[in-house]
């Protein structure tokens, strides 16, 4: 999956895995109504896929504190891990579902060597 898949919303195949497992958001009648699980999952996956910090969540998504609290609840109930484990088998057509990586995403056996990666020794020019 690419970041562009998650810009507008959580894709339906991903949401179909998470929806039955995540506990419903409960509103106690005080304050603002809570964000839906789908909106919080969208923000969480956006952070994970984009590789951004929590503080850089776009304005249209729930706040970082809201998403972090919801994630804590999901992790405490172990429902996030359960859904995450089911995700590769549910989303077909990606390399993760077959258990192998494509050659473009496979880790390198050793780091690239170049000018930026050479060790600089002090004292010698």
N, C-alpha and C. Protein backbone atom coordinates (compact mmCIF):
# COMPACT_ATOMS: atom_id res chain seq x y z
N UNK A 1 0.84 -1.17 0.00
CA UNK A 1 0.00 0.00 0.00
C UNK A 1 0.88 1.24 0.00
N UNK A 2 0.36 2.27 -0.60
CA UNK A 2 1.10 3.52 -0.69
C UNK A 2 0.41 4.58 0.16
N UNK A 3 1.14 5.65 0.42
CA UNK A 3 0.58 6.75 1.18
C UNK A 3 -0.65 7.32 0.50
N UNK A 4 -0.66 7.35 -0.81
CA UNK A 4 -1.79 7.92 -1.53
C UNK A 4 -3.07 7.13 -1.29
N UNK A 5 -2.96 5.86 -0.92
CA UNK A 5 -4.15 5.06 -0.59
C UNK A 5 -4.81 5.55 0.69
N UNK A 6 -4.06 6.23 1.55
CA UNK A 6 -4.56 6.62 2.85
C UNK A 6 -4.80 8.13 2.98
N UNK A 7 -4.66 8.87 1.89
CA UNK A 7 -4.82 10.32 1.99
C UNK A 7 -6.26 10.68 2.30
N UNK A 8 -7.21 10.14 1.59
CA UNK A 8 -8.61 10.51 1.78
C UNK A 8 -9.24 9.75 2.94
N UNK A 9 -8.97 8.47 3.05
CA UNK A 9 -9.62 7.65 4.08
C UNK A 9 -8.93 6.29 4.14
N UNK A 10 -9.33 5.48 5.10
CA UNK A 10 -8.82 4.12 5.20
C UNK A 10 -9.47 3.29 4.09
N UNK A 11 -8.69 2.56 3.30
CA UNK A 11 -9.28 1.73 2.24
C UNK A 11 -10.27 0.72 2.82
N UNK A 12 -11.27 0.39 2.04
CA UNK A 12 -12.34 -0.50 2.50
C UNK A 12 -11.82 -1.87 2.93
N UNK A 13 -10.85 -2.44 2.20
CA UNK A 13 -10.36 -3.76 2.57
C UNK A 13 -9.63 -3.74 3.91
N UNK A 14 -8.93 -2.66 4.21
CA UNK A 14 -8.25 -2.52 5.50
C UNK A 14 -9.28 -2.30 6.60
N UNK A 15 -10.27 -1.45 6.35
CA UNK A 15 -11.28 -1.17 7.36
C UNK A 15 -12.13 -2.41 7.66
N UNK A 16 -12.36 -3.26 6.67
CA UNK A 16 -13.13 -4.49 6.88
C UNK A 16 -12.44 -5.42 7.87
N UNK A 17 -11.12 -5.36 7.95
CA UNK A 17 -10.38 -6.18 8.91
C UNK A 17 -10.47 -5.58 10.32
N UNK A 18 -10.32 -4.27 10.42
CA UNK A 18 -10.27 -3.62 11.73
C UNK A 18 -11.64 -3.39 12.36
N UNK A 19 -12.65 -3.11 11.56
CA UNK A 19 -13.95 -2.71 12.10
C UNK A 19 -14.56 -3.69 13.10
N UNK A 20 -14.63 -4.99 12.80
CA UNK A 20 -15.26 -5.89 13.77
C UNK A 20 -14.42 -6.14 15.03
N UNK A 21 -13.14 -5.83 14.98
CA UNK A 21 -12.25 -6.14 16.11
C UNK A 21 -12.13 -4.98 17.08
N UNK A 22 -12.10 -3.75 16.58
CA UNK A 22 -11.92 -2.59 17.45
C UNK A 22 -13.17 -2.34 18.29
N UNK A 23 -13.00 -2.01 19.58
CA UNK A 23 -14.16 -1.73 20.42
C UNK A 23 -14.79 -0.40 20.02
N UNK A 24 -16.10 -0.26 20.19
CA UNK A 24 -16.73 1.00 19.79
C UNK A 24 -16.30 2.15 20.69
N UNK A 25 -16.25 3.35 20.10
CA UNK A 25 -15.94 4.55 20.88
C UNK A 25 -17.19 4.93 21.66
N UNK A 26 -17.05 5.09 22.97
CA UNK A 26 -18.20 5.37 23.84
C UNK A 26 -18.21 6.84 24.22
N UNK A 27 -19.36 7.46 24.03
CA UNK A 27 -19.54 8.85 24.43
C UNK A 27 -20.35 8.88 25.71
N UNK A 28 -19.84 9.54 26.73
CA UNK A 28 -20.50 9.56 28.03
C UNK A 28 -21.45 10.74 28.20
N UNK A 29 -21.68 11.49 27.11
CA UNK A 29 -22.62 12.60 27.15
C UNK A 29 -22.04 13.90 27.64
N UNK A 30 -20.75 13.91 27.94
CA UNK A 30 -20.08 15.12 28.41
C UNK A 30 -19.03 15.52 27.39
N UNK A 31 -18.98 16.80 27.06
CA UNK A 31 -17.98 17.28 26.11
C UNK A 31 -18.33 16.93 24.68
N UNK A 32 -17.35 17.01 23.83
CA UNK A 32 -17.54 16.72 22.41
C UNK A 32 -17.68 15.22 22.19
N UNK A 33 -18.40 14.85 21.14
CA UNK A 33 -18.51 13.44 20.78
C UNK A 33 -17.13 12.95 20.32
N UNK A 34 -16.80 11.70 20.64
CA UNK A 34 -15.48 11.19 20.24
C UNK A 34 -15.40 10.95 18.74
N UNK A 35 -14.19 11.00 18.22
CA UNK A 35 -13.97 10.65 16.83
C UNK A 35 -14.26 9.17 16.64
N UNK A 36 -14.63 8.80 15.45
CA UNK A 36 -14.89 7.39 15.17
C UNK A 36 -13.58 6.60 15.14
N UNK A 37 -13.71 5.30 15.30
CA UNK A 37 -12.53 4.44 15.21
C UNK A 37 -11.88 4.55 13.83
N UNK A 38 -12.70 4.71 12.82
CA UNK A 38 -12.17 4.80 11.46
C UNK A 38 -11.30 6.05 11.30
N UNK A 39 -11.74 7.18 11.86
CA UNK A 39 -10.96 8.41 11.76
C UNK A 39 -9.64 8.29 12.53
N UNK A 40 -9.68 7.65 13.70
CA UNK A 40 -8.45 7.47 14.49
C UNK A 40 -7.50 6.49 13.82
N UNK A 41 -8.05 5.43 13.24
CA UNK A 41 -7.22 4.47 12.51
C UNK A 41 -6.60 5.14 11.29
N UNK A 42 -7.37 5.98 10.63
CA UNK A 42 -6.85 6.72 9.48
C UNK A 42 -5.65 7.56 9.89
N UNK A 43 -5.77 8.29 10.99
CA UNK A 43 -4.67 9.13 11.46
C UNK A 43 -3.45 8.28 11.85
N UNK A 44 -3.69 7.17 12.52
CA UNK A 44 -2.60 6.29 12.94
C UNK A 44 -1.85 5.72 11.74
N UNK A 45 -2.59 5.21 10.77
CA UNK A 45 -1.94 4.64 9.59
C UNK A 45 -1.24 5.72 8.77
N UNK A 46 -1.79 6.92 8.76
CA UNK A 46 -1.14 8.03 8.06
C UNK A 46 0.23 8.31 8.67
N UNK A 47 0.29 8.33 10.00
CA UNK A 47 1.57 8.56 10.69
C UNK A 47 2.55 7.43 10.39
N UNK A 48 2.08 6.20 10.45
CA UNK A 48 2.96 5.05 10.23
C UNK A 48 3.49 4.99 8.80
N UNK A 49 2.62 5.22 7.83
CA UNK A 49 3.03 5.09 6.44
C UNK A 49 3.85 6.29 5.98
N UNK A 50 3.45 7.49 6.40
CA UNK A 50 4.18 8.69 5.99
C UNK A 50 5.50 8.83 6.73
N UNK A 51 5.60 8.19 7.90
CA UNK A 51 6.84 8.29 8.67
C UNK A 51 7.01 9.65 9.32
N UNK A 52 5.90 10.31 9.61
CA UNK A 52 5.96 11.64 10.23
C UNK A 52 5.80 11.53 11.74
N UNK A 53 6.14 12.58 12.44
CA UNK A 53 5.92 12.63 13.87
C UNK A 53 4.46 12.94 14.18
N UNK A 54 4.05 12.61 15.39
CA UNK A 54 2.66 12.84 15.79
C UNK A 54 2.27 14.31 15.63
N UNK A 55 3.19 15.20 15.91
CA UNK A 55 2.85 16.63 15.87
C UNK A 55 2.60 17.14 14.46
N UNK A 56 2.91 16.35 13.44
CA UNK A 56 2.73 16.78 12.07
C UNK A 56 1.48 16.20 11.41
N UNK A 57 0.53 15.70 12.21
CA UNK A 57 -0.72 15.22 11.65
C UNK A 57 -1.45 16.37 10.96
N UNK A 58 -1.99 16.15 9.78
CA UNK A 58 -2.72 17.22 9.09
C UNK A 58 -3.95 17.67 9.89
N UNK A 59 -4.39 18.90 9.69
CA UNK A 59 -5.50 19.46 10.47
C UNK A 59 -6.83 18.71 10.34
N UNK A 60 -7.09 18.02 9.25
CA UNK A 60 -8.37 17.33 9.08
C UNK A 60 -8.51 16.05 9.88
N UNK A 61 -7.43 15.59 10.48
CA UNK A 61 -7.45 14.33 11.24
C UNK A 61 -7.59 14.63 12.73
N UNK A 62 -7.95 13.60 13.53
CA UNK A 62 -8.02 13.82 14.98
C UNK A 62 -6.66 14.25 15.54
N UNK A 63 -6.67 14.84 16.72
CA UNK A 63 -5.42 15.31 17.32
C UNK A 63 -4.53 14.13 17.68
N UNK A 64 -3.26 14.41 17.83
CA UNK A 64 -2.31 13.34 18.16
C UNK A 64 -2.64 12.71 19.51
N UNK A 65 -3.10 13.51 20.45
CA UNK A 65 -3.42 12.98 21.78
C UNK A 65 -4.61 12.02 21.69
N UNK A 66 -5.61 12.39 20.89
CA UNK A 66 -6.78 11.53 20.71
C UNK A 66 -6.36 10.19 20.11
N UNK A 67 -5.54 10.24 19.08
CA UNK A 67 -5.11 9.01 18.40
C UNK A 67 -4.24 8.17 19.33
N UNK A 68 -3.36 8.81 20.09
CA UNK A 68 -2.50 8.07 21.01
C UNK A 68 -3.31 7.40 22.11
N UNK A 69 -4.31 8.09 22.63
CA UNK A 69 -5.16 7.48 23.67
C UNK A 69 -5.94 6.30 23.11
N UNK A 70 -6.46 6.46 21.92
CA UNK A 70 -7.22 5.37 21.30
C UNK A 70 -6.30 4.19 21.04
N UNK A 71 -5.08 4.44 20.57
CA UNK A 71 -4.12 3.36 20.33
C UNK A 71 -3.77 2.66 21.63
N UNK A 72 -3.60 3.41 22.72
CA UNK A 72 -3.33 2.78 24.03
C UNK A 72 -4.45 1.83 24.42
N UNK A 73 -5.69 2.24 24.20
CA UNK A 73 -6.83 1.38 24.51
C UNK A 73 -6.81 0.13 23.64
N UNK A 74 -6.57 0.30 22.35
CA UNK A 74 -6.53 -0.84 21.44
C UNK A 74 -5.41 -1.81 21.79
N UNK A 75 -4.26 -1.27 22.19
CA UNK A 75 -3.14 -2.14 22.56
C UNK A 75 -3.40 -2.85 23.88
N UNK A 76 -4.02 -2.15 24.83
CA UNK A 76 -4.33 -2.77 26.12
C UNK A 76 -5.31 -3.94 25.96
N UNK A 77 -6.23 -3.81 25.03
CA UNK A 77 -7.20 -4.88 24.77
C UNK A 77 -6.70 -5.91 23.77
N UNK A 78 -5.52 -5.68 23.24
CA UNK A 78 -4.86 -6.55 22.26
C UNK A 78 -5.66 -6.71 20.97
N UNK A 79 -6.58 -5.79 20.71
CA UNK A 79 -7.36 -5.88 19.48
C UNK A 79 -6.59 -5.32 18.28
N UNK A 80 -5.72 -4.35 18.51
CA UNK A 80 -4.95 -3.80 17.39
C UNK A 80 -3.99 -4.85 16.84
N UNK A 81 -3.29 -5.57 17.73
CA UNK A 81 -2.37 -6.61 17.26
C UNK A 81 -3.11 -7.71 16.51
N UNK A 82 -4.29 -8.06 17.00
CA UNK A 82 -5.09 -9.10 16.34
C UNK A 82 -5.46 -8.68 14.93
N UNK A 83 -5.95 -7.46 14.78
CA UNK A 83 -6.33 -6.96 13.46
C UNK A 83 -5.12 -6.80 12.56
N UNK A 84 -4.02 -6.30 13.12
CA UNK A 84 -2.80 -6.09 12.34
C UNK A 84 -2.26 -7.42 11.81
N UNK A 85 -2.37 -8.47 12.60
CA UNK A 85 -1.89 -9.79 12.17
C UNK A 85 -2.75 -10.35 11.03
N UNK A 86 -4.03 -10.00 11.02
CA UNK A 86 -4.93 -10.49 9.98
C UNK A 86 -4.82 -9.67 8.69
N UNK A 87 -4.23 -8.52 8.77
CA UNK A 87 -4.19 -7.60 7.62
C UNK A 87 -3.50 -8.17 6.38
N UNK A 88 -2.32 -8.77 6.47
CA UNK A 88 -1.67 -9.27 5.24
C UNK A 88 -2.49 -10.34 4.52
N UNK A 89 -3.18 -11.20 5.26
CA UNK A 89 -3.95 -12.25 4.60
C UNK A 89 -5.24 -11.70 4.00
N UNK A 90 -5.74 -10.59 4.54
CA UNK A 90 -6.99 -10.03 4.04
C UNK A 90 -6.78 -9.15 2.82
N UNK A 91 -5.66 -8.48 2.74
CA UNK A 91 -5.39 -7.61 1.60
C UNK A 91 -4.59 -8.39 0.58
N UNK A 92 -5.23 -8.83 -0.45
CA UNK A 92 -4.53 -9.64 -1.45
C UNK A 92 -3.86 -8.75 -2.48
N UNK A 93 -2.89 -9.31 -3.13
CA UNK A 93 -2.21 -8.59 -4.20
C UNK A 93 -0.98 -7.85 -3.77
N UNK A 94 -0.63 -7.90 -2.48
CA UNK A 94 0.60 -7.22 -2.07
C UNK A 94 1.64 -8.26 -1.70
N UNK A 95 2.89 -7.85 -1.66
CA UNK A 95 3.98 -8.78 -1.38
C UNK A 95 3.89 -9.34 0.03
N UNK A 96 3.31 -8.60 0.97
CA UNK A 96 3.23 -9.08 2.35
C UNK A 96 2.30 -10.28 2.48
N UNK A 97 1.31 -10.39 1.62
CA UNK A 97 0.37 -11.50 1.73
C UNK A 97 1.00 -12.82 1.32
N UNK A 98 2.04 -12.79 0.49
CA UNK A 98 2.68 -14.02 0.07
C UNK A 98 3.82 -14.42 0.99
N UNK A 99 4.18 -13.52 1.89
CA UNK A 99 5.26 -13.82 2.80
C UNK A 99 6.63 -13.51 2.24
N UNK A 100 6.69 -12.98 1.02
CA UNK A 100 7.98 -12.63 0.43
C UNK A 100 7.98 -11.16 0.09
N UNK A 101 9.15 -10.61 0.00
CA UNK A 101 9.28 -9.21 -0.37
C UNK A 101 9.66 -9.11 -1.82
N UNK A 102 9.22 -8.03 -2.43
CA UNK A 102 9.65 -7.81 -3.80
C UNK A 102 11.11 -7.37 -3.79
N UNK A 103 11.76 -7.47 -4.91
CA UNK A 103 13.18 -7.14 -4.95
C UNK A 103 13.44 -5.67 -4.66
N UNK A 104 12.48 -4.80 -4.97
CA UNK A 104 12.71 -3.38 -4.73
C UNK A 104 12.61 -3.02 -3.26
N UNK A 105 11.86 -3.82 -2.46
CA UNK A 105 11.72 -3.50 -1.04
C UNK A 105 12.56 -4.41 -0.15
N UNK A 106 13.26 -5.37 -0.74
CA UNK A 106 14.06 -6.29 0.06
C UNK A 106 15.24 -5.54 0.68
N UNK A 107 15.56 -5.87 1.92
CA UNK A 107 16.69 -5.18 2.55
C UNK A 107 18.00 -5.54 1.86
N UNK A 108 18.90 -4.61 1.83
CA UNK A 108 20.20 -4.85 1.22
C UNK A 108 21.05 -5.70 2.16
N UNK A 109 21.88 -6.55 1.58
CA UNK A 109 22.73 -7.40 2.39
C UNK A 109 23.80 -6.57 3.10
N UNK A 110 24.21 -5.49 2.50
CA UNK A 110 25.16 -4.59 3.14
C UNK A 110 24.86 -3.17 2.66
N UNK A 111 25.22 -2.19 3.44
CA UNK A 111 24.88 -0.81 3.07
C UNK A 111 25.61 -0.36 1.82
N UNK A 112 25.00 0.57 1.11
CA UNK A 112 25.64 1.16 -0.07
C UNK A 112 26.89 1.89 0.36
N UNK A 113 27.90 1.76 -0.42
CA UNK A 113 29.14 2.48 -0.13
C UNK A 113 29.22 3.70 -1.02
N UNK A 114 29.56 4.78 -0.44
CA UNK A 114 29.69 6.00 -1.19
C UNK A 114 30.36 7.05 -0.33
N UNK A 115 30.44 8.21 -0.84
CA UNK A 115 31.13 9.28 -0.15
C UNK A 115 30.50 9.59 1.21
N UNK A 116 29.20 9.55 1.29
CA UNK A 116 28.52 9.89 2.53
C UNK A 116 28.66 8.81 3.59
N UNK A 117 28.92 7.58 3.19
CA UNK A 117 28.96 6.48 4.13
C UNK A 117 30.37 6.09 4.59
N UNK A 118 31.38 6.73 4.05
CA UNK A 118 32.74 6.39 4.44
C UNK A 118 33.06 6.97 5.81
N UNK A 119 33.77 6.22 6.56
CA UNK A 119 34.20 6.70 7.88
C UNK A 119 35.29 7.74 7.70
N UNK A 120 35.17 8.80 8.42
CA UNK A 120 36.15 9.88 8.35
C UNK A 120 37.10 9.71 9.52
N UNK A 121 38.37 9.56 9.22
CA UNK A 121 39.34 9.42 10.30
C UNK A 121 39.91 10.81 10.61
N UNK A 122 40.05 11.05 11.87
CA UNK A 122 40.58 12.35 12.28
C UNK A 122 42.08 12.36 12.15
N UNK A 123 42.61 13.47 11.81
CA UNK A 123 44.04 13.63 11.73
C UNK A 123 44.62 13.38 10.34
N UNK A 124 43.93 12.65 9.49
CA UNK A 124 44.45 12.42 8.15
C UNK A 124 43.58 13.19 7.15
N UNK A 125 44.17 13.75 6.12
CA UNK A 125 43.39 14.55 5.16
C UNK A 125 42.53 13.76 4.25
